[in-house]
């Protein structure tokens, strides 16, 4: 189990059940727990901007097509945003997929 204390309110503690191999470093567990917020923001943006939650289909095929199109649009916009940030700030982020492509 991983516990995290809020910087703003030291009495607020968040708990995570971590299923990781024995010997996993605390820093790795904390980084994985921190990714939760990135993923939540991604889904919130897909809901607000792209209509991820606007599917009212009655079949699996319709749902699958809707979700596939929304996620493809989200991936396209994420790539476009990364390219614009790279161009605007002039230096590549070491973890950015665009850095490995040699984009300038």
PDB file of N, CA and C in Angstrom:
ATOM      1  N   UNK A   1       0.846  -1.159   0.000  1.00  0.00           N
ATOM      2  CA  UNK A   1       0.000   0.000   0.000  1.00  0.00           C
ATOM      3  C   UNK A   1       0.902   1.235   0.000  1.00  0.00           C
ATOM      4  N   UNK A   2       0.475   2.231  -0.748  1.00  0.00           N
ATOM      5  CA  UNK A   2       1.207   3.488  -0.871  1.00  0.00           C
ATOM      6  C   UNK A   2       0.323   4.600  -0.336  1.00  0.00           C
ATOM      7  N   UNK A   3       0.850   5.441   0.526  1.00  0.00           N
ATOM      8  CA  UNK A   3       0.104   6.570   1.082  1.00  0.00           C
ATOM      9  C   UNK A   3       0.793   7.858   0.666  1.00  0.00           C
ATOM     10  N   UNK A   4      -0.027   8.865   0.309  1.00  0.00           N
ATOM     11  CA  UNK A   4       0.509  10.146  -0.117  1.00  0.00           C
ATOM     12  C   UNK A   4      -0.193  11.255   0.646  1.00  0.00           C
ATOM     13  N   UNK A   5       0.595  12.183   1.172  1.00  0.00           N
ATOM     14  CA  UNK A   5       0.046  13.300   1.926  1.00  0.00           C
ATOM     15  C   UNK A   5      -0.032  14.535   1.040  1.00  0.00           C
ATOM     16  N   UNK A   6      -1.104  15.293   1.179  1.00  0.00           N
ATOM     17  CA  UNK A   6      -1.298  16.512   0.407  1.00  0.00           C
ATOM     18  C   UNK A   6      -0.360  17.603   0.903  1.00  0.00           C
ATOM     19  N   UNK A   7       0.206  18.376  -0.010  1.00  0.00           N
ATOM     20  CA  UNK A   7       1.059  19.503   0.375  1.00  0.00           C
ATOM     21  C   UNK A   7       0.226  20.635   0.975  1.00  0.00           C
ATOM     22  N   UNK A   8      -0.985  20.796   0.471  1.00  0.00           N
ATOM     23  CA  UNK A   8      -1.841  21.898   0.919  1.00  0.00           C
ATOM     24  C   UNK A   8      -2.517  21.602   2.249  1.00  0.00           C
ATOM     25  N   UNK A   9      -2.912  20.357   2.450  1.00  0.00           N
ATOM     26  CA  UNK A   9      -3.576  19.959   3.689  1.00  0.00           C
ATOM     27  C   UNK A   9      -2.903  18.697   4.215  1.00  0.00           C
ATOM     28  N   UNK A  10      -1.958  18.817   5.135  1.00  0.00           N
ATOM     29  CA  UNK A  10      -1.214  17.641   5.623  1.00  0.00           C
ATOM     30  C   UNK A  10      -2.084  16.556   6.244  1.00  0.00           C
ATOM     31  N   UNK A  11      -3.328  16.905   6.623  1.00  0.00           N
ATOM     32  CA  UNK A  11      -4.217  15.896   7.203  1.00  0.00           C
ATOM     33  C   UNK A  11      -4.873  15.033   6.132  1.00  0.00           C
ATOM     34  N   UNK A  12      -4.870  15.508   4.877  1.00  0.00           N
ATOM     35  CA  UNK A  12      -5.476  14.747   3.774  1.00  0.00           C
ATOM     36  C   UNK A  12      -4.461  13.737   3.240  1.00  0.00           C
ATOM     37  N   UNK A  13      -4.814  12.489   3.344  1.00  0.00           N
ATOM     38  CA  UNK A  13      -3.921  11.416   2.897  1.00  0.00           C
ATOM     39  C   UNK A  13      -4.655  10.554   1.870  1.00  0.00           C
ATOM     40  N   UNK A  14      -4.000  10.314   0.732  1.00  0.00           N
ATOM     41  CA  UNK A  14      -4.554   9.446  -0.309  1.00  0.00           C
ATOM     42  C   UNK A  14      -3.856   8.090  -0.222  1.00  0.00           C
ATOM     43  N   UNK A  15      -4.635   7.033  -0.372  1.00  0.00           N
ATOM     44  CA  UNK A  15      -4.088   5.678  -0.286  1.00  0.00           C
ATOM     45  C   UNK A  15      -4.227   4.987  -1.633  1.00  0.00           C
ATOM     46  N   UNK A  16      -3.222   4.223  -1.999  1.00  0.00           N
ATOM     47  CA  UNK A  16      -3.225   3.457  -3.245  1.00  0.00           C
ATOM     48  C   UNK A  16      -2.824   2.022  -2.915  1.00  0.00           C
ATOM     49  N   UNK A  17      -3.538   1.077  -3.504  1.00  0.00           N
ATOM     50  CA  UNK A  17      -3.107  -0.312  -3.440  1.00  0.00           C
ATOM     51  C   UNK A  17      -2.205  -0.541  -4.637  1.00  0.00           C
ATOM     52  N   UNK A  18      -0.972  -0.885  -4.376  1.00  0.00           N
ATOM     53  CA  UNK A  18       0.013  -1.046  -5.445  1.00  0.00           C
ATOM     54  C   UNK A  18       0.323  -2.529  -5.625  1.00  0.00           C
ATOM     55  N   UNK A  19       0.090  -3.008  -6.832  1.00  0.00           N
ATOM     56  CA  UNK A  19       0.416  -4.389  -7.179  1.00  0.00           C
ATOM     57  C   UNK A  19       1.639  -4.342  -8.085  1.00  0.00           C
ATOM     58  N   UNK A  20       2.803  -4.522  -7.491  1.00  0.00           N
ATOM     59  CA  UNK A  20       4.064  -4.428  -8.217  1.00  0.00           C
ATOM     60  C   UNK A  20       4.972  -5.566  -7.763  1.00  0.00           C
ATOM     61  N   UNK A  21       5.953  -5.907  -8.580  1.00  0.00           N
ATOM     62  CA  UNK A  21       6.891  -6.956  -8.171  1.00  0.00           C
ATOM     63  C   UNK A  21       7.646  -6.568  -6.897  1.00  0.00           C
ATOM     64  N   UNK A  22       8.027  -7.570  -6.128  1.00  0.00           N
ATOM     65  CA  UNK A  22       8.807  -7.314  -4.924  1.00  0.00           C
ATOM     66  C   UNK A  22      10.103  -6.606  -5.306  1.00  0.00           C
ATOM     67  N   UNK A  23      10.480  -5.632  -4.514  1.00  0.00           N
ATOM     68  CA  UNK A  23      11.712  -4.896  -4.781  1.00  0.00           C
ATOM     69  C   UNK A  23      11.518  -3.662  -5.640  1.00  0.00           C
ATOM     70  N   UNK A  24      10.279  -3.340  -5.990  1.00  0.00           N
ATOM     71  CA  UNK A  24      10.024  -2.125  -6.774  1.00  0.00           C
ATOM     72  C   UNK A  24      10.328  -0.914  -5.906  1.00  0.00           C
ATOM     73  N   UNK A  25      11.052   0.035  -6.463  1.00  0.00           N
ATOM     74  CA  UNK A  25      11.470   1.220  -5.713  1.00  0.00           C
ATOM     75  C   UNK A  25      10.270   2.105  -5.396  1.00  0.00           C
ATOM     76  N   UNK A  26      10.352   2.791  -4.263  1.00  0.00           N
ATOM     77  CA  UNK A  26       9.292   3.695  -3.846  1.00  0.00           C
ATOM     78  C   UNK A  26       9.090   4.809  -4.877  1.00  0.00           C
ATOM     79  N   UNK A  27      10.175   5.273  -5.480  1.00  0.00           N
ATOM     80  CA  UNK A  27      10.069   6.329  -6.495  1.00  0.00           C
ATOM     81  C   UNK A  27       9.256   5.855  -7.697  1.00  0.00           C
ATOM     82  N   UNK A  28       9.412   4.605  -8.093  1.00  0.00           N
ATOM     83  CA  UNK A  28       8.644   4.057  -9.215  1.00  0.00           C
ATOM     84  C   UNK A  28       7.153   3.968  -8.872  1.00  0.00           C
ATOM     85  N   UNK A  29       6.850   3.534  -7.648  1.00  0.00           N
ATOM     86  CA  UNK A  29       5.450   3.457  -7.218  1.00  0.00           C
ATOM     87  C   UNK A  29       4.820   4.845  -7.167  1.00  0.00           C
ATOM     88  N   UNK A  30       5.564   5.822  -6.650  1.00  0.00           N
ATOM     89  CA  UNK A  30       5.044   7.184  -6.570  1.00  0.00           C
ATOM     90  C   UNK A  30       4.830   7.762  -7.965  1.00  0.00           C
ATOM     91  N   UNK A  31       5.738   7.477  -8.891  1.00  0.00           N
ATOM     92  CA  UNK A  31       5.581   7.959 -10.267  1.00  0.00           C
ATOM     93  C   UNK A  31       4.361   7.337 -10.924  1.00  0.00           C
ATOM     94  N   UNK A  32       4.138   6.055 -10.699  1.00  0.00           N
ATOM     95  CA  UNK A  32       2.970   5.382 -11.274  1.00  0.00           C
ATOM     96  C   UNK A  32       1.679   5.939 -10.680  1.00  0.00           C
ATOM     97  N   UNK A  33       1.674   6.215  -9.387  1.00  0.00           N
ATOM     98  CA  UNK A  33       0.489   6.794  -8.748  1.00  0.00           C
ATOM     99  C   UNK A  33       0.235   8.196  -9.278  1.00  0.00           C
ATOM    100  N   UNK A  34       1.287   8.946  -9.555  1.00  0.00           N
ATOM    101  CA  UNK A  34       1.144  10.295 -10.084  1.00  0.00           C
ATOM    102  C   UNK A  34       0.601  10.328 -11.498  1.00  0.00           C
ATOM    103  N   UNK A  35       0.809   9.258 -12.261  1.00  0.00           N
ATOM    104  CA  UNK A  35       0.287   9.190 -13.628  1.00  0.00           C
ATOM    105  C   UNK A  35      -1.231   9.135 -13.661  1.00  0.00           C
ATOM    106  N   UNK A  36      -1.826   8.769 -12.559  1.00  0.00           N
ATOM    107  CA  UNK A  36      -3.288   8.698 -12.500  1.00  0.00           C
ATOM    108  C   UNK A  36      -3.913  10.029 -12.881  1.00  0.00           C
ATOM    109  N   UNK A  37      -3.345  11.125 -12.417  1.00  0.00           N
ATOM    110  CA  UNK A  37      -3.917  12.444 -12.689  1.00  0.00           C
ATOM    111  C   UNK A  37      -3.757  12.815 -14.154  1.00  0.00           C
ATOM    112  N   UNK A  38      -2.658  12.433 -14.753  1.00  0.00           N
ATOM    113  CA  UNK A  38      -2.459  12.678 -16.181  1.00  0.00           C
ATOM    114  C   UNK A  38      -3.511  11.943 -16.993  1.00  0.00           C
ATOM    115  N   UNK A  39      -3.773  10.711 -16.626  1.00  0.00           N
ATOM    116  CA  UNK A  39      -4.767   9.902 -17.336  1.00  0.00           C
ATOM    117  C   UNK A  39      -6.164  10.476 -17.123  1.00  0.00           C
ATOM    118  N   UNK A  40      -6.463  10.899 -15.896  1.00  0.00           N
ATOM    119  CA  UNK A  40      -7.773  11.494 -15.619  1.00  0.00           C
ATOM    120  C   UNK A  40      -7.979  12.768 -16.431  1.00  0.00           C
ATOM    121  N   UNK A  41      -6.946  13.600 -16.531  1.00  0.00           N
ATOM    122  CA  UNK A  41      -7.045  14.828 -17.318  1.00  0.00           C
ATOM    123  C   UNK A  41      -7.247  14.516 -18.797  1.00  0.00           C
ATOM    124  N   UNK A  42      -6.596  13.465 -19.268  1.00  0.00           N
ATOM    125  CA  UNK A  42      -6.748  13.052 -20.667  1.00  0.00           C
ATOM    126  C   UNK A  42      -8.193  12.642 -20.946  1.00  0.00           C
ATOM    127  N   UNK A  43      -8.787  11.842 -20.052  1.00  0.00           N
ATOM    128  CA  UNK A  43     -10.168  11.425 -20.249  1.00  0.00           C
ATOM    129  C   UNK A  43     -11.135  12.599 -20.125  1.00  0.00           C
ATOM    130  N   UNK A  44     -10.864  13.506 -19.200  1.00  0.00           N
ATOM    131  CA  UNK A  44     -11.720  14.680 -19.053  1.00  0.00           C
ATOM    132  C   UNK A  44     -11.688  15.534 -20.313  1.00  0.00           C
ATOM    133  N   UNK A  45     -10.505  15.705 -20.879  1.00  0.00           N
ATOM    134  CA  UNK A  45     -10.380  16.481 -22.116  1.00  0.00           C
ATOM    135  C   UNK A  45     -11.088  15.782 -23.280  1.00  0.00           C
ATOM    136  N   UNK A  46     -10.959  14.460 -23.342  1.00  0.00           N
ATOM    137  CA  UNK A  46     -11.643  13.720 -24.407  1.00  0.00           C
ATOM    138  C   UNK A  46     -13.159  13.813 -24.248  1.00  0.00           C
ATOM    139  N   UNK A  47     -13.645  13.849 -23.027  1.00  0.00           N
ATOM    140  CA  UNK A  47     -15.080  13.998 -22.796  1.00  0.00           C
ATOM    141  C   UNK A  47     -15.549  15.397 -23.184  1.00  0.00           C
ATOM    142  N   UNK A  48     -14.838  16.408 -22.712  1.00  0.00           N
ATOM    143  CA  UNK A  48     -15.257  17.789 -22.950  1.00  0.00           C
ATOM    144  C   UNK A  48     -15.075  18.225 -24.399  1.00  0.00           C
ATOM    145  N   UNK A  49     -13.929  17.943 -24.975  1.00  0.00           N
ATOM    146  CA  UNK A  49     -13.590  18.458 -26.302  1.00  0.00           C
ATOM    147  C   UNK A  49     -14.024  17.567 -27.456  1.00  0.00           C
ATOM    148  N   UNK A  50     -14.036  16.258 -27.224  1.00  0.00           N
ATOM    149  CA  UNK A  50     -14.245  15.331 -28.341  1.00  0.00           C
ATOM    150  C   UNK A  50     -15.515  14.494 -28.234  1.00  0.00           C
ATOM    151  N   UNK A  51     -16.259  14.620 -27.168  1.00  0.00           N
ATOM    152  CA  UNK A  51     -17.513  13.889 -27.052  1.00  0.00           C
ATOM    153  C   UNK A  51     -17.373  12.422 -26.700  1.00  0.00           C
ATOM    154  N   UNK A  52     -16.381  12.087 -25.896  1.00  0.00           N
ATOM    155  CA  UNK A  52     -16.181  10.690 -25.517  1.00  0.00           C
ATOM    156  C   UNK A  52     -17.416  10.112 -24.828  1.00  0.00           C
ATOM    157  N   UNK A  53     -18.106  10.932 -24.051  1.00  0.00           N
ATOM    158  CA  UNK A  53     -19.269  10.435 -23.305  1.00  0.00           C
ATOM    159  C   UNK A  53     -20.596  10.698 -24.009  1.00  0.00           C
ATOM    160  N   UNK A  54     -20.586  11.052 -25.275  1.00  0.00           N
ATOM    161  CA  UNK A  54     -21.820  11.348 -25.995  1.00  0.00           C
ATOM    162  C   UNK A  54     -22.335  10.178 -26.836  1.00  0.00           C
ATOM    163  N   UNK A  55     -21.862   9.020 -26.558  1.00  0.00           N
ATOM    164  CA  UNK A  55     -22.258   7.854 -27.337  1.00  0.00           C
ATOM    165  C   UNK A  55     -23.542   7.263 -26.746  1.00  0.00           C
ATOM    166  N   UNK A  56     -24.571   7.155 -27.567  1.00  0.00           N
ATOM    167  CA  UNK A  56     -25.832   6.553 -27.130  1.00  0.00           C
ATOM    168  C   UNK A  56     -26.186   5.374 -28.034  1.00  0.00           C
ATOM    169  N   UNK A  57     -25.221   4.608 -28.377  1.00  0.00           N
ATOM    170  CA  UNK A  57     -25.453   3.482 -29.283  1.00  0.00           C
ATOM    171  C   UNK A  57     -26.080   2.318 -28.543  1.00  0.00           C
ATOM    172  N   UNK A  58     -26.683   1.439 -29.309  1.00  0.00           N
ATOM    173  CA  UNK A  58     -27.307   0.251 -28.737  1.00  0.00           C
ATOM    174  C   UNK A  58     -26.606  -1.031 -29.189  1.00  0.00           C
ATOM    175  N   UNK A  59     -25.461  -0.862 -29.824  1.00  0.00           N
ATOM    176  CA  UNK A  59     -24.734  -2.055 -30.257  1.00  0.00           C
ATOM    177  C   UNK A  59     -23.251  -1.893 -29.937  1.00  0.00           C
ATOM    178  N   UNK A  60     -22.589  -3.007 -29.833  1.00  0.00           N
ATOM    179  CA  UNK A  60     -21.154  -2.987 -29.567  1.00  0.00           C
ATOM    180  C   UNK A  60     -20.414  -2.361 -30.729  1.00  0.00           C
ATOM    181  N   UNK A  61     -20.826  -2.645 -31.948  1.00  0.00           N
ATOM    182  CA  UNK A  61     -20.142  -2.103 -33.123  1.00  0.00           C
ATOM    183  C   UNK A  61     -20.201  -0.576 -33.154  1.00  0.00           C
ATOM    184  N   UNK A  62     -21.361  -0.010 -32.868  1.00  0.00           N
ATOM    185  CA  UNK A  62     -21.495   1.444 -32.837  1.00  0.00           C
ATOM    186  C   UNK A  62     -20.649   2.071 -31.739  1.00  0.00           C
ATOM    187  N   UNK A  63     -20.658   1.442 -30.562  1.00  0.00           N
ATOM    188  CA  UNK A  63     -19.840   1.936 -29.456  1.00  0.00           C
ATOM    189  C   UNK A  63     -18.365   1.877 -29.817  1.00  0.00           C
ATOM    190  N   UNK A  64     -17.937   0.752 -30.388  1.00  0.00           N
ATOM    191  CA  UNK A  64     -16.535   0.562 -30.749  1.00  0.00           C
ATOM    192  C   UNK A  64     -16.101   1.586 -31.786  1.00  0.00           C
ATOM    193  N   UNK A  65     -16.924   1.854 -32.779  1.00  0.00           N
ATOM    194  CA  UNK A  65     -16.582   2.859 -33.799  1.00  0.00           C
ATOM    195  C   UNK A  65     -16.465   4.248 -33.179  1.00  0.00           C
ATOM    196  N   UNK A  66     -17.409   4.595 -32.320  1.00  0.00           N
ATOM    197  CA  UNK A  66     -17.379   5.911 -31.673  1.00  0.00           C
ATOM    198  C   UNK A  66     -16.111   6.070 -30.833  1.00  0.00           C
ATOM    199  N   UNK A  67     -15.818   5.081 -29.997  1.00  0.00           N
ATOM    200  CA  UNK A  67     -14.641   5.150 -29.133  1.00  0.00           C
ATOM    201  C   UNK A  67     -13.350   5.178 -29.950  1.00  0.00           C
ATOM    202  N   UNK A  68     -13.299   4.406 -31.021  1.00  0.00           N
ATOM    203  CA  UNK A  68     -12.105   4.385 -31.868  1.00  0.00           C
ATOM    204  C   UNK A  68     -11.858   5.750 -32.514  1.00  0.00           C
ATOM    205  N   UNK A  69     -12.910   6.368 -33.016  1.00  0.00           N
ATOM    206  CA  UNK A  69     -12.761   7.685 -33.641  1.00  0.00           C
ATOM    207  C   UNK A  69     -12.364   8.748 -32.622  1.00  0.00           C
ATOM    208  N   UNK A  70     -12.965   8.727 -31.449  1.00  0.00           N
ATOM    209  CA  UNK A  70     -12.627   9.708 -30.419  1.00  0.00           C
ATOM    210  C   UNK A  70     -11.182   9.539 -29.964  1.00  0.00           C
ATOM    211  N   UNK A  71     -10.752   8.315 -29.749  1.00  0.00           N
ATOM    212  CA  UNK A  71      -9.382   8.088 -29.292  1.00  0.00           C
ATOM    213  C   UNK A  71      -8.374   8.419 -30.387  1.00  0.00           C
ATOM    214  N   UNK A  72      -8.711   8.168 -31.644  1.00  0.00           N
ATOM    215  CA  UNK A  72      -7.822   8.562 -32.746  1.00  0.00           C
ATOM    216  C   UNK A  72      -7.709  10.084 -32.816  1.00  0.00           C
ATOM    217  N   UNK A  73      -8.823  10.784 -32.627  1.00  0.00           N
ATOM    218  CA  UNK A  73      -8.792  12.248 -32.625  1.00  0.00           C
ATOM    219  C   UNK A  73      -7.978  12.762 -31.440  1.00  0.00           C
ATOM    220  N   UNK A  74      -8.107  12.131 -30.289  1.00  0.00           N
ATOM    221  CA  UNK A  74      -7.332  12.537 -29.111  1.00  0.00           C
ATOM    222  C   UNK A  74      -5.838  12.329 -29.346  1.00  0.00           C
ATOM    223  N   UNK A  75      -5.463  11.218 -29.965  1.00  0.00           N
ATOM    224  CA  UNK A  75      -4.054  10.965 -30.262  1.00  0.00           C
ATOM    225  C   UNK A  75      -3.516  11.982 -31.269  1.00  0.00           C
ATOM    226  N   UNK A  76      -4.313  12.306 -32.272  1.00  0.00           N
ATOM    227  CA  UNK A  76      -3.903  13.306 -33.259  1.00  0.00           C
ATOM    228  C   UNK A  76      -3.678  14.660 -32.595  1.00  0.00           C
ATOM    229  N   UNK A  77      -4.619  15.071 -31.738  1.00  0.00           N
ATOM    230  CA  UNK A  77      -4.487  16.362 -31.065  1.00  0.00           C
ATOM    231  C   UNK A  77      -3.306  16.386 -30.096  1.00  0.00           C
ATOM    232  N   UNK A  78      -3.039  15.274 -29.437  1.00  0.00           N
ATOM    233  CA  UNK A  78      -1.889  15.199 -28.537  1.00  0.00           C
ATOM    234  C   UNK A  78      -0.585  15.343 -29.325  1.00  0.00           C
ATOM    235  N   UNK A  79      -0.508  14.702 -30.479  1.00  0.00           N
ATOM    236  CA  UNK A  79       0.684  14.839 -31.326  1.00  0.00           C
ATOM    237  C   UNK A  79       0.847  16.251 -31.860  1.00  0.00           C
ATOM    238  N   UNK A  80      -0.261  16.853 -32.262  1.00  0.00           N
ATOM    239  CA  UNK A  80      -0.234  18.222 -32.751  1.00  0.00           C
ATOM    240  C   UNK A  80       0.208  19.188 -31.652  1.00  0.00           C
ATOM    241  N   UNK A  81      -0.305  18.998 -30.440  1.00  0.00           N
ATOM    242  CA  UNK A  81       0.079  19.829 -29.308  1.00  0.00           C
ATOM    243  C   UNK A  81       1.558  19.682 -28.993  1.00  0.00           C
ATOM    244  N   UNK A  82       2.063  18.448 -29.005  1.00  0.00           N
ATOM    245  CA  UNK A  82       3.482  18.221 -28.736  1.00  0.00           C
ATOM    246  C   UNK A  82       4.356  18.892 -29.785  1.00  0.00           C
ATOM    247  N   UNK A  83       3.953  18.809 -31.043  1.00  0.00           N
ATOM    248  CA  UNK A  83       4.733  19.440 -32.113  1.00  0.00           C
ATOM    249  C   UNK A  83       4.722  20.959 -31.972  1.00  0.00           C
ATOM    250  N   UNK A  84       3.582  21.528 -31.603  1.00  0.00           N
ATOM    251  CA  UNK A  84       3.506  22.981 -31.426  1.00  0.00           C
ATOM    252  C   UNK A  84       4.334  23.447 -30.233  1.00  0.00           C
ATOM    253  N   UNK A  85       4.316  22.690 -29.161  1.00  0.00           N
ATOM    254  CA  UNK A  85       5.141  23.055 -27.999  1.00  0.00           C
ATOM    255  C   UNK A  85       6.620  22.954 -28.326  1.00  0.00           C
ATOM    256  N   UNK A  86       6.984  21.928 -29.066  1.00  0.00           N
ATOM    257  CA  UNK A  86       8.376  21.758 -29.466  1.00  0.00           C
ATOM    258  C   UNK A  86       8.822  22.935 -30.323  1.00  0.00           C
ATOM    259  N   UNK A  87       7.977  23.345 -31.244  1.00  0.00           N
ATOM    260  CA  UNK A  87       8.299  24.471 -32.112  1.00  0.00           C
ATOM    261  C   UNK A  87       8.333  25.782 -31.321  1.00  0.00           C
ATOM    262  N   UNK A  88       7.403  25.961 -30.379  1.00  0.00           N
ATOM    263  CA  UNK A  88       7.314  27.207 -29.623  1.00  0.00           C
ATOM    264  C   UNK A  88       8.465  27.378 -28.635  1.00  0.00           C
ATOM    265  N   UNK A  89       8.856  26.309 -27.986  1.00  0.00           N
ATOM    266  CA  UNK A  89       9.875  26.421 -26.948  1.00  0.00           C
ATOM    267  C   UNK A  89      11.267  26.083 -27.446  1.00  0.00           C
ATOM    268  N   UNK A  90      11.379  25.485 -28.607  1.00  0.00           N
ATOM    269  CA  UNK A  90      12.668  25.283 -29.254  1.00  0.00           C
ATOM    270  C   UNK A  90      13.552  24.178 -28.727  1.00  0.00           C
ATOM    271  N   UNK A  91      13.141  23.462 -27.711  1.00  0.00           N
ATOM    272  CA  UNK A  91      13.978  22.353 -27.264  1.00  0.00           C
ATOM    273  C   UNK A  91      13.105  21.122 -27.068  1.00  0.00           C
ATOM    274  N   UNK A  92      13.665  20.000 -27.382  1.00  0.00           N
ATOM    275  CA  UNK A  92      12.914  18.742 -27.305  1.00  0.00           C
ATOM    276  C   UNK A  92      12.854  18.240 -25.877  1.00  0.00           C
ATOM    277  N   UNK A  93      11.714  17.700 -25.515  1.00  0.00           N
ATOM    278  CA  UNK A  93      11.552  17.032 -24.239  1.00  0.00           C
ATOM    279  C   UNK A  93      12.137  15.635 -24.389  1.00  0.00           C
ATOM    280  N   UNK A  94      12.975  15.221 -23.451  1.00  0.00           N
ATOM    281  CA  UNK A  94      13.636  13.918 -23.572  1.00  0.00           C
ATOM    282  C   UNK A  94      12.653  12.759 -23.595  1.00  0.00           C
ATOM    283  N   UNK A  95      11.484  12.932 -22.984  1.00  0.00           N
ATOM    284  CA  UNK A  95      10.504  11.850 -22.943  1.00  0.00           C
ATOM    285  C   UNK A  95       9.472  11.959 -24.052  1.00  0.00           C
ATOM    286  N   UNK A  96       9.575  12.982 -24.874  1.00  0.00           N
ATOM    287  CA  UNK A  96       8.593  13.184 -25.934  1.00  0.00           C
ATOM    288  C   UNK A  96       8.851  12.237 -27.101  1.00  0.00           C
ATOM    289  N   UNK A  97       7.793  11.622 -27.646  1.00  0.00           N
ATOM    290  CA  UNK A  97       7.959  10.777 -28.832  1.00  0.00           C
ATOM    291  C   UNK A  97       8.515  11.561 -30.022  1.00  0.00           C
ATOM    292  N   UNK A  98       8.237  12.863 -30.077  1.00  0.00           N
ATOM    293  CA  UNK A  98       8.724  13.685 -31.175  1.00  0.00           C
ATOM    294  C   UNK A  98      10.255  13.828 -31.127  1.00  0.00           C
ATOM    295  N   UNK A  99      10.838  13.756 -29.917  1.00  0.00           N
ATOM    296  CA  UNK A  99      12.286  13.895 -29.786  1.00  0.00           C
ATOM    297  C   UNK A  99      13.004  12.732 -30.482  1.00  0.00           C
ATOM    298  N   UNK A 100      12.413  11.552 -30.418  1.00  0.00           N
ATOM    299  CA  UNK A 100      13.052  10.396 -31.045  1.00  0.00           C
ATOM    300  C   UNK A 100      12.938  10.440 -32.566  1.00  0.00           C
ATOM    301  N   UNK A 101      11.996  11.233 -33.094  1.00  0.00           N
ATOM    302  CA  UNK A 101      11.832  11.356 -34.529  1.00  0.00           C
ATOM    303  C   UNK A 101      12.731  12.429 -35.124  1.00  0.00           C
ATOM    304  N   UNK A 102      13.401  13.182 -34.265  1.00  0.00           N
ATOM    305  CA  UNK A 102      14.293  14.228 -34.755  1.00  0.00           C
ATOM    306  C   UNK A 102      13.560  15.442 -35.251  1.00  0.00           C
ATOM    307  N   UNK A 103      12.351  15.705 -34.735  1.00  0.00           N
ATOM    308  CA  UNK A 103      11.587  16.866 -35.163  1.00  0.00           C
ATOM    309  C   UNK A 103      12.244  18.136 -34.639  1.00  0.00           C
ATOM    310  N   UNK A 104      12.219  19.176 -35.454  1.00  0.00           N
ATOM    311  CA  UNK A 104      12.816  20.439 -35.014  1.00  0.00           C
ATOM    312  C   UNK A 104      11.859  21.570 -35.288  1.00  0.00           C
TER     313      UNK A 104
END
